Protein backbone atom coordinates (compact mmCIF):
# COMPACT_ATOMS: atom_id res chain seq x y z
CA MET A 1 44.35 114.65 92.50
CA THR A 2 46.89 112.21 93.95
CA PRO A 3 49.08 110.10 91.71
CA GLN A 4 48.07 106.48 91.45
CA SER A 5 50.41 104.07 93.13
CA ARG A 6 50.91 100.38 93.14
CA THR A 7 52.33 98.51 96.09
CA SER A 8 54.77 95.70 95.56
CA GLN A 9 56.28 93.20 97.96
CA CYS A 10 60.07 93.21 97.85
CA SER A 11 62.33 90.70 99.62
CA ARG A 12 62.49 92.64 102.93
CA ARG A 13 60.50 95.83 102.56
CA ARG A 14 57.36 97.27 101.06
CA PHE A 15 57.65 100.18 98.73
CA SER A 16 55.21 102.30 96.85
CA MET A 17 55.92 103.20 93.25
CA PRO A 18 53.91 106.21 92.07
CA LEU A 19 52.95 106.28 88.44
CA LEU A 20 54.79 109.47 87.54
CA PRO A 21 55.11 110.88 84.05
CA PRO A 22 58.03 109.13 82.26
CA GLU A 23 60.07 112.34 81.93
CA ILE A 24 60.38 112.73 85.73
CA GLN A 25 60.77 109.08 86.74
CA LYS A 26 64.23 108.34 88.13
CA LYS A 27 66.13 105.42 86.57
CA CYS A 28 68.33 102.95 88.42
CA GLU A 29 71.94 104.21 88.51
CA CYS A 30 73.39 100.75 87.77
CA GLY A 31 72.53 101.30 84.11
CA CYS A 32 69.71 98.76 83.76
CA GLY A 33 67.21 101.51 82.85
CA GLN A 34 64.45 100.35 85.22
CA VAL A 35 62.42 102.87 87.24
CA THR A 36 63.43 103.03 90.92
CA PRO A 37 60.90 102.74 93.76
CA THR A 38 59.85 105.56 96.07
CA GLU A 39 60.97 105.16 99.69
CA THR A 40 58.20 104.68 102.29
CA ARG A 41 60.40 105.47 105.31
CA ASN A 42 63.66 107.19 106.20
CA ARG A 43 66.91 105.25 106.34
CA ARG A 44 69.41 108.02 106.98
CA LEU A 45 72.47 105.80 107.31
CA ARG A 46 71.74 104.38 103.88
CA GLY A 47 70.92 107.75 102.35
CA ARG A 48 67.26 106.97 101.76
CA ILE A 49 64.60 109.60 102.36
CA LYS A 50 60.87 108.98 102.61
CA GLY A 51 58.99 110.15 99.53
CA LYS A 52 62.09 110.31 97.28
CA GLN A 53 63.01 107.75 94.67
CA SER A 54 65.90 105.40 95.44
CA ARG A 55 69.19 105.55 93.56
CA PHE A 56 69.12 101.79 92.90
CA ILE A 57 66.60 98.98 92.71
CA THR A 58 67.14 96.51 95.57
CA GLY A 59 70.18 94.36 94.74
CA HIS A 60 71.38 96.51 91.86
CA ASN A 61 73.84 98.64 93.86
CA SER A 62 76.39 95.80 93.72
CA ARG A 63 76.60 96.18 89.95
CA VAL A 64 79.35 98.23 88.34
CA PHE A 65 78.57 101.92 88.66
CA VAL A 66 81.18 104.49 87.70
CA ARG A 67 80.59 108.20 87.56
CA HIS A 68 81.93 109.43 84.24
CA ASP A 69 82.57 112.94 85.51
CA ARG A 70 85.73 111.98 87.38
CA HIS A 71 88.09 112.88 84.57
CA THR A 72 88.83 116.09 82.69
CA VAL A 73 89.98 116.25 79.08
CA GLU A 74 93.27 118.10 78.65
CA PRO A 75 94.42 119.88 75.44
CA GLY A 76 96.95 117.08 74.72
CA GLY A 77 94.15 114.51 74.66
CA CYS A 78 94.76 113.06 78.13
CA TRP A 79 91.75 112.26 80.28
CA ASN A 80 93.17 113.17 83.70
CA TRP A 81 91.60 111.29 86.60
CA ASN A 82 90.21 113.61 89.31
CA GLY A 83 89.11 110.93 91.78
CA ALA A 84 91.23 109.07 94.32
CA LYS A 85 94.83 108.32 93.36
CA SER A 86 97.54 105.95 94.54
CA GLU A 87 100.87 107.15 95.95
CA ARG A 88 102.40 106.98 92.45
CA GLY A 89 99.60 109.01 90.83
CA TYR A 90 97.50 106.24 89.26
CA GLY A 91 93.73 106.72 89.47
CA ARG A 92 91.83 104.38 91.81
CA LEU A 93 88.12 103.56 91.97
CA GLY A 94 85.80 101.09 93.64
CA VAL A 95 84.09 98.46 91.50
CA ASN A 96 81.87 95.81 93.11
CA GLY A 97 83.45 96.39 96.51
CA ARG A 98 87.05 96.17 95.24
CA THR A 99 89.54 98.94 94.54
CA VAL A 100 90.96 98.84 91.00
CA PHE A 101 93.18 101.06 88.88
CA ALA A 102 91.11 103.52 86.84
CA HIS A 103 93.22 103.13 83.67
CA ARG A 104 92.76 99.35 83.70
CA PHE A 105 88.99 99.75 84.21
CA TYR A 106 88.67 102.25 81.33
CA TYR A 107 90.79 100.08 79.02
CA GLU A 108 88.61 97.02 79.66
CA LYS A 109 85.43 99.06 79.32
CA TYR A 110 86.28 100.78 76.03
CA ARG A 111 88.60 98.25 74.38
CA CYS A 112 88.89 94.63 75.55
CA PRO A 113 89.86 92.52 78.57
CA ILE A 114 93.54 92.62 79.59
CA PRO A 115 95.18 89.19 79.14
CA LYS A 116 96.79 87.62 82.20
CA GLY A 117 100.46 88.45 82.63
CA LEU A 118 100.29 91.72 80.65
CA VAL A 119 100.29 95.28 81.94
CA ILE A 120 99.02 98.65 80.68
CA ASP A 121 101.56 101.09 79.23
CA HIS A 122 100.67 104.79 79.31
CA LEU A 123 101.90 105.99 75.92
CA CYS A 124 101.62 109.59 77.13
CA ARG A 125 103.63 108.79 80.32
CA ASN A 126 100.90 110.49 82.39
CA HIS A 127 99.96 108.13 85.24
CA SER A 128 96.60 109.81 85.87
CA CYS A 129 95.50 109.50 82.20
CA VAL A 130 92.57 107.10 81.58
CA ASN A 131 92.13 107.76 77.83
CA PRO A 132 91.97 104.30 76.16
CA GLU A 133 93.72 105.74 73.09
CA HIS A 134 96.77 106.49 75.27
CA LEU A 135 96.90 102.99 76.76
CA ASP A 136 98.58 99.91 75.31
CA VAL A 137 98.76 96.31 76.59
CA VAL A 138 102.37 95.07 76.79
CA THR A 139 104.60 92.83 78.89
CA GLN A 140 106.28 94.29 81.97
CA ALA A 141 109.70 94.09 80.26
CA GLU A 142 108.42 96.02 77.22
CA ASN A 143 106.83 98.63 79.48
CA ILE A 144 110.16 99.20 81.26
CA ARG A 145 112.06 99.32 77.94
CA ARG A 146 109.66 101.91 76.53
CA GLY A 147 109.97 104.00 79.68
CA ILE A 148 113.78 104.06 79.40
CA LEU A 149 113.61 104.94 75.68
CA ARG A 150 111.16 107.80 76.29
CA ARG A 151 113.17 109.10 79.24
CA ASP A 152 116.37 109.12 77.13
CA ALA A 153 114.55 110.76 74.19
CA GLY A 154 113.14 113.36 76.59
CA GLY A 155 109.60 113.47 75.28
CA ARG A 156 106.15 112.03 75.11
CA PHE A 157 105.13 109.47 72.46
CA ALA A 158 108.81 108.99 71.50
């Protein structure tokens, strides 16, 4: 018995979406929760394989998609970034075709937007930490002052 399928016309391609049981249907990785279509032909350069479900629905791959397995939790509470890093050790990631600092992305995702003119201070002094609890929004002058105080005190969270 073959699974039923329905054919839909997309903007540039035709795809077949089999009616699979809900527990094995693949969801769009952008986070929208919609079921992805099954590819009808190979597109190796785009990572699409005939007969397999797509990672994204057409047009959804430009949405924000961040893998949450790029950090490890350390005993001190730091979430150390394991992905790409800048020369100074700050985590970097791509969001909507732009490269951004990982700690700024995590702060805005879990707390609130960062006001213009303010910077993020790592309270733990660990540049690769993306734990929102270890991040604080301050002015650049305050960030420098705190760094000097912590360096003179010789410890973290001084």
